[in-house]
Amino acid sequence: QVQLVESGGGLVQAGGSLRLSCAASGGDFSINTMGWYRQAPGKQRELVTSITIGGTTTYADSVKGRFAISRDNAKKTVYLQMNSLKPDDTAVYYCAANLNIGDYWGQGTQVTVSS
């Protein structure tokens, strides 16, 4: 059974950094696009960033220049480096992956940025 397991969330002060990881496991599959979404309390889930198998990236305007997505195809892992964090970045961050066998989500990891 395919699983996406996230790690790296936590509490950080404004201006600090965190690095999230998401590893896919549980079967024979290939990964197309991977991405990170976030959902703040009372708000809809939004796409933060994505990366294709070829390395093409997209970013929400709110995180451009501060966040960086990368992936290790051999490890089936995607990373999110978050710098210059702001209180508005506080949310549950979800990993998402488009596989050749379907779309999958991680369980989410909490990121809290204190002012």
N, C-alpha and C. Protein backbone atom coordinates (compact mmCIF):
# COMPACT_ATOMS: atom_id res chain seq x y z
N GLN A 1 0.84 -1.19 0.00
CA GLN A 1 0.00 0.00 0.00
C GLN A 1 0.88 1.25 0.00
N VAL A 2 0.58 2.15 -0.91
CA VAL A 2 1.39 3.35 -1.05
C VAL A 2 1.19 4.27 0.15
N GLN A 3 2.30 4.79 0.65
CA GLN A 3 2.25 5.75 1.75
C GLN A 3 3.17 6.92 1.43
N LEU A 4 2.73 8.11 1.84
CA LEU A 4 3.58 9.29 1.81
C LEU A 4 3.77 9.70 3.27
N VAL A 5 5.01 9.69 3.72
CA VAL A 5 5.29 9.98 5.13
C VAL A 5 6.09 11.27 5.22
N GLU A 6 5.50 12.24 5.89
CA GLU A 6 6.12 13.56 6.02
C GLU A 6 6.86 13.66 7.36
N SER A 7 7.84 14.52 7.38
CA SER A 7 8.56 14.81 8.62
C SER A 7 9.14 16.21 8.52
N GLY A 8 9.50 16.76 9.68
CA GLY A 8 10.21 18.03 9.69
C GLY A 8 9.42 19.24 10.15
N GLY A 9 8.15 19.08 10.44
CA GLY A 9 7.38 20.22 10.93
C GLY A 9 7.78 20.57 12.35
N GLY A 10 7.20 21.67 12.85
CA GLY A 10 7.50 22.07 14.21
C GLY A 10 7.19 23.53 14.46
N LEU A 11 7.72 24.02 15.55
CA LEU A 11 7.53 25.41 15.97
C LEU A 11 8.81 26.18 15.73
N VAL A 12 8.69 27.34 15.10
CA VAL A 12 9.86 28.16 14.82
C VAL A 12 9.48 29.62 14.95
N GLN A 13 10.43 30.45 15.29
CA GLN A 13 10.18 31.88 15.37
C GLN A 13 10.18 32.51 13.99
N ALA A 14 9.50 33.62 13.86
CA ALA A 14 9.49 34.34 12.60
C ALA A 14 10.92 34.65 12.17
N GLY A 15 11.16 34.46 10.88
CA GLY A 15 12.49 34.65 10.34
C GLY A 15 13.32 33.38 10.31
N GLY A 16 12.84 32.35 10.97
CA GLY A 16 13.57 31.09 11.03
C GLY A 16 13.33 30.21 9.82
N SER A 17 13.88 29.00 9.89
CA SER A 17 13.81 28.06 8.77
C SER A 17 13.38 26.68 9.26
N LEU A 18 12.75 25.96 8.36
CA LEU A 18 12.41 24.56 8.58
C LEU A 18 12.58 23.83 7.26
N ARG A 19 12.83 22.53 7.35
CA ARG A 19 12.91 21.70 6.15
C ARG A 19 11.98 20.52 6.33
N LEU A 20 11.04 20.40 5.40
CA LEU A 20 10.12 19.27 5.41
C LEU A 20 10.58 18.21 4.42
N SER A 21 10.31 16.97 4.76
CA SER A 21 10.61 15.85 3.87
C SER A 21 9.36 15.00 3.70
N CYS A 22 9.26 14.36 2.56
CA CYS A 22 8.14 13.46 2.29
C CYS A 22 8.67 12.29 1.46
N ALA A 23 8.56 11.10 2.03
CA ALA A 23 9.06 9.90 1.36
C ALA A 23 7.90 9.02 0.94
N ALA A 24 7.93 8.57 -0.29
CA ALA A 24 6.91 7.66 -0.81
C ALA A 24 7.41 6.22 -0.74
N SER A 25 6.52 5.34 -0.32
CA SER A 25 6.90 3.93 -0.21
C SER A 25 5.68 3.04 -0.39
N GLY A 26 5.94 1.71 -0.47
CA GLY A 26 4.82 0.79 -0.45
C GLY A 26 4.41 0.21 -1.77
N GLY A 27 5.35 -0.01 -2.67
CA GLY A 27 4.95 -0.66 -3.90
C GLY A 27 5.82 -0.29 -5.07
N ASP A 28 5.45 -0.84 -6.20
CA ASP A 28 6.18 -0.59 -7.43
C ASP A 28 5.42 0.48 -8.21
N PHE A 29 5.95 1.68 -8.19
CA PHE A 29 5.27 2.78 -8.87
C PHE A 29 6.30 3.79 -9.34
N SER A 30 5.87 4.63 -10.23
CA SER A 30 6.70 5.75 -10.65
C SER A 30 5.99 7.05 -10.27
N ILE A 31 6.78 8.05 -10.00
CA ILE A 31 6.23 9.31 -9.51
C ILE A 31 6.35 10.37 -10.59
N ASN A 32 5.27 11.04 -10.86
CA ASN A 32 5.29 12.15 -11.81
C ASN A 32 5.56 13.44 -11.04
N THR A 33 4.52 14.19 -10.78
CA THR A 33 4.68 15.45 -10.05
C THR A 33 4.51 15.24 -8.55
N MET A 34 5.31 15.94 -7.77
CA MET A 34 5.15 15.96 -6.32
C MET A 34 4.98 17.41 -5.89
N GLY A 35 4.29 17.58 -4.77
CA GLY A 35 4.06 18.94 -4.34
C GLY A 35 3.73 19.05 -2.87
N TRP A 36 3.65 20.28 -2.43
CA TRP A 36 3.27 20.58 -1.05
C TRP A 36 2.08 21.53 -1.06
N TYR A 37 1.09 21.18 -0.26
CA TYR A 37 -0.07 22.03 -0.02
C TYR A 37 -0.06 22.42 1.45
N ARG A 38 -0.84 23.42 1.77
CA ARG A 38 -1.00 23.78 3.18
C ARG A 38 -2.43 24.25 3.45
N GLN A 39 -2.82 24.06 4.68
CA GLN A 39 -4.16 24.49 5.10
C GLN A 39 -4.07 25.13 6.47
N ALA A 40 -4.39 26.40 6.50
CA ALA A 40 -4.42 27.14 7.75
C ALA A 40 -5.83 27.05 8.34
N PRO A 41 -5.97 27.24 9.64
CA PRO A 41 -7.30 27.16 10.28
C PRO A 41 -8.29 28.11 9.61
N GLY A 42 -9.43 27.56 9.26
CA GLY A 42 -10.48 28.38 8.66
C GLY A 42 -10.27 28.74 7.21
N LYS A 43 -9.23 28.19 6.59
CA LYS A 43 -8.93 28.51 5.20
C LYS A 43 -8.93 27.24 4.35
N GLN A 44 -9.04 27.44 3.05
CA GLN A 44 -9.00 26.30 2.13
C GLN A 44 -7.56 25.83 1.95
N ARG A 45 -7.43 24.57 1.59
CA ARG A 45 -6.11 24.03 1.28
C ARG A 45 -5.61 24.69 0.01
N GLU A 46 -4.35 25.10 0.01
CA GLU A 46 -3.78 25.77 -1.13
C GLU A 46 -2.47 25.12 -1.55
N LEU A 47 -2.20 25.19 -2.85
CA LEU A 47 -0.94 24.68 -3.37
C LEU A 47 0.18 25.66 -3.04
N VAL A 48 1.22 25.14 -2.43
CA VAL A 48 2.37 25.96 -2.10
C VAL A 48 3.43 25.88 -3.20
N THR A 49 3.74 24.66 -3.61
CA THR A 49 4.79 24.47 -4.59
C THR A 49 4.69 23.06 -5.17
N SER A 50 5.22 22.89 -6.38
CA SER A 50 5.24 21.56 -6.99
C SER A 50 6.50 21.41 -7.83
N ILE A 51 6.83 20.15 -8.12
CA ILE A 51 8.01 19.87 -8.93
C ILE A 51 7.72 18.65 -9.80
N THR A 52 8.00 18.75 -11.08
CA THR A 52 7.78 17.64 -11.98
C THR A 52 8.96 16.67 -11.93
N ILE A 53 8.80 15.54 -12.59
CA ILE A 53 9.87 14.55 -12.62
C ILE A 53 11.10 15.14 -13.31
N GLY A 54 10.90 16.09 -14.18
CA GLY A 54 12.02 16.72 -14.86
C GLY A 54 12.63 17.88 -14.12
N GLY A 55 12.02 18.23 -12.98
CA GLY A 55 12.58 19.30 -12.16
C GLY A 55 11.97 20.67 -12.36
N THR A 56 10.92 20.76 -13.15
CA THR A 56 10.24 22.05 -13.32
C THR A 56 9.43 22.37 -12.06
N THR A 57 9.60 23.58 -11.55
CA THR A 57 8.95 23.95 -10.30
C THR A 57 7.94 25.09 -10.49
N THR A 58 6.98 25.11 -9.59
CA THR A 58 6.04 26.23 -9.49
C THR A 58 5.93 26.62 -8.03
N TYR A 59 5.65 27.89 -7.78
CA TYR A 59 5.52 28.39 -6.42
C TYR A 59 4.35 29.35 -6.32
N ALA A 60 3.67 29.30 -5.19
CA ALA A 60 2.68 30.33 -4.89
C ALA A 60 3.41 31.65 -4.72
N ASP A 61 2.76 32.73 -5.10
CA ASP A 61 3.40 34.04 -5.01
C ASP A 61 3.83 34.35 -3.57
N SER A 62 3.07 33.87 -2.62
CA SER A 62 3.34 34.19 -1.21
C SER A 62 4.63 33.57 -0.69
N VAL A 63 5.17 32.58 -1.39
CA VAL A 63 6.38 31.91 -0.89
C VAL A 63 7.57 32.06 -1.83
N LYS A 64 7.38 32.68 -2.96
CA LYS A 64 8.48 32.84 -3.91
C LYS A 64 9.65 33.57 -3.28
N GLY A 65 10.83 33.03 -3.49
CA GLY A 65 12.03 33.63 -2.93
C GLY A 65 12.34 33.20 -1.51
N ARG A 66 11.40 32.52 -0.86
CA ARG A 66 11.61 32.06 0.51
C ARG A 66 11.63 30.54 0.64
N PHE A 67 10.82 29.88 -0.17
CA PHE A 67 10.72 28.42 -0.13
C PHE A 67 11.38 27.82 -1.35
N ALA A 68 11.90 26.61 -1.18
CA ALA A 68 12.50 25.89 -2.30
C ALA A 68 12.14 24.42 -2.22
N ILE A 69 11.61 23.90 -3.31
CA ILE A 69 11.27 22.48 -3.39
C ILE A 69 12.35 21.75 -4.17
N SER A 70 12.61 20.52 -3.76
CA SER A 70 13.56 19.67 -4.47
C SER A 70 13.13 18.23 -4.31
N ARG A 71 13.69 17.35 -5.10
CA ARG A 71 13.33 15.95 -5.00
C ARG A 71 14.53 15.07 -5.30
N ASP A 72 14.48 13.89 -4.72
CA ASP A 72 15.48 12.85 -4.97
C ASP A 72 14.72 11.67 -5.54
N ASN A 73 14.78 11.51 -6.85
CA ASN A 73 13.98 10.47 -7.49
C ASN A 73 14.38 9.07 -7.05
N ALA A 74 15.66 8.87 -6.80
CA ALA A 74 16.11 7.55 -6.37
C ALA A 74 15.54 7.17 -5.01
N LYS A 75 15.38 8.17 -4.15
CA LYS A 75 14.84 7.93 -2.81
C LYS A 75 13.33 8.13 -2.76
N LYS A 76 12.72 8.54 -3.89
CA LYS A 76 11.29 8.81 -3.93
C LYS A 76 10.89 9.79 -2.84
N THR A 77 11.67 10.83 -2.72
CA THR A 77 11.50 11.79 -1.64
C THR A 77 11.47 13.21 -2.20
N VAL A 78 10.60 14.03 -1.62
CA VAL A 78 10.54 15.44 -1.97
C VAL A 78 10.80 16.25 -0.70
N TYR A 79 11.47 17.39 -0.88
CA TYR A 79 11.84 18.24 0.23
C TYR A 79 11.26 19.63 0.04
N LEU A 80 11.04 20.31 1.16
CA LEU A 80 10.62 21.70 1.11
C LEU A 80 11.46 22.47 2.11
N GLN A 81 12.35 23.29 1.59
CA GLN A 81 13.16 24.16 2.44
C GLN A 81 12.41 25.48 2.59
N MET A 82 12.11 25.84 3.82
CA MET A 82 11.34 27.05 4.09
C MET A 82 12.21 28.02 4.89
N ASN A 83 12.49 29.15 4.31
CA ASN A 83 13.31 30.18 4.95
C ASN A 83 12.50 31.44 5.18
N SER A 84 13.01 32.31 6.02
CA SER A 84 12.34 33.59 6.32
C SER A 84 10.86 33.38 6.63
N LEU A 85 10.60 32.42 7.48
CA LEU A 85 9.22 32.07 7.79
C LEU A 85 8.48 33.20 8.47
N LYS A 86 7.20 33.29 8.16
CA LYS A 86 6.33 34.33 8.70
C LYS A 86 5.17 33.68 9.46
N PRO A 87 4.56 34.39 10.39
CA PRO A 87 3.39 33.82 11.07
C PRO A 87 2.30 33.36 10.10
N ASP A 88 2.16 34.05 8.97
CA ASP A 88 1.16 33.65 7.97
C ASP A 88 1.46 32.30 7.33
N ASP A 89 2.66 31.78 7.52
CA ASP A 89 3.00 30.46 6.99
C ASP A 89 2.50 29.34 7.89
N THR A 90 1.97 29.69 9.05
CA THR A 90 1.46 28.69 9.97
C THR A 90 0.32 27.91 9.34
N ALA A 91 0.45 26.59 9.31
CA ALA A 91 -0.55 25.74 8.67
C ALA A 91 -0.15 24.29 8.84
N VAL A 92 -1.05 23.41 8.46
CA VAL A 92 -0.69 22.00 8.28
C VAL A 92 -0.23 21.84 6.84
N TYR A 93 0.95 21.30 6.67
CA TYR A 93 1.53 21.11 5.34
C TYR A 93 1.35 19.66 4.92
N TYR A 94 0.82 19.49 3.71
CA TYR A 94 0.56 18.17 3.17
C TYR A 94 1.41 17.91 1.94
N CYS A 95 1.99 16.74 1.90
CA CYS A 95 2.69 16.29 0.71
C CYS A 95 1.68 15.63 -0.23
N ALA A 96 1.84 15.83 -1.52
CA ALA A 96 0.98 15.20 -2.51
C ALA A 96 1.84 14.66 -3.64
N ALA A 97 1.42 13.54 -4.19
CA ALA A 97 2.18 12.94 -5.28
C ALA A 97 1.24 12.37 -6.33
N ASN A 98 1.56 12.66 -7.57
CA ASN A 98 0.85 12.08 -8.70
C ASN A 98 1.70 10.91 -9.20
N LEU A 99 1.20 9.70 -8.94
CA LEU A 99 1.91 8.48 -9.34
C LEU A 99 1.27 7.90 -10.59
N ASN A 100 1.94 6.95 -11.18
CA ASN A 100 1.35 6.30 -12.35
C ASN A 100 0.13 5.46 -11.98
N ILE A 101 -0.08 5.24 -10.68
CA ILE A 101 -1.21 4.43 -10.21
C ILE A 101 -2.25 5.26 -9.48
N GLY A 102 -2.09 6.56 -9.49
CA GLY A 102 -3.07 7.42 -8.84
C GLY A 102 -2.43 8.56 -8.06
N ASP A 103 -3.28 9.34 -7.40
CA ASP A 103 -2.85 10.47 -6.60
C ASP A 103 -2.91 10.12 -5.12
N TYR A 104 -1.90 10.55 -4.39
CA TYR A 104 -1.81 10.22 -2.98
C TYR A 104 -1.45 11.45 -2.15
N TRP A 105 -1.87 11.39 -0.87
CA TRP A 105 -1.60 12.48 0.07
C TRP A 105 -0.91 11.94 1.31
N GLY A 106 -0.08 12.78 1.90
CA GLY A 106 0.48 12.48 3.19
C GLY A 106 -0.51 12.84 4.29
N GLN A 107 -0.13 12.54 5.52
CA GLN A 107 -1.03 12.77 6.65
C GLN A 107 -0.98 14.20 7.14
N GLY A 108 0.01 14.94 6.72
CA GLY A 108 0.13 16.33 7.13
C GLY A 108 1.09 16.50 8.29
N THR A 109 1.78 17.64 8.29
CA THR A 109 2.68 17.97 9.39
C THR A 109 2.47 19.44 9.75
N GLN A 110 2.40 19.70 11.04
CA GLN A 110 2.09 21.05 11.50
C GLN A 110 3.35 21.93 11.48
N VAL A 111 3.19 23.11 10.92
CA VAL A 111 4.22 24.14 10.96
C VAL A 111 3.62 25.35 11.66
N THR A 112 4.26 25.77 12.73
CA THR A 112 3.79 26.92 13.49
C THR A 112 4.91 27.95 13.57
N VAL A 113 4.59 29.17 13.14
CA VAL A 113 5.58 30.25 13.16
C VAL A 113 5.11 31.30 14.16
N SER A 114 5.90 31.51 15.18
CA SER A 114 5.53 32.48 16.21
C SER A 114 6.12 33.85 15.89
N SER A 115 5.40 34.88 16.30
CA SER A 115 5.86 36.25 16.00
C SER A 115 6.72 36.80 17.13
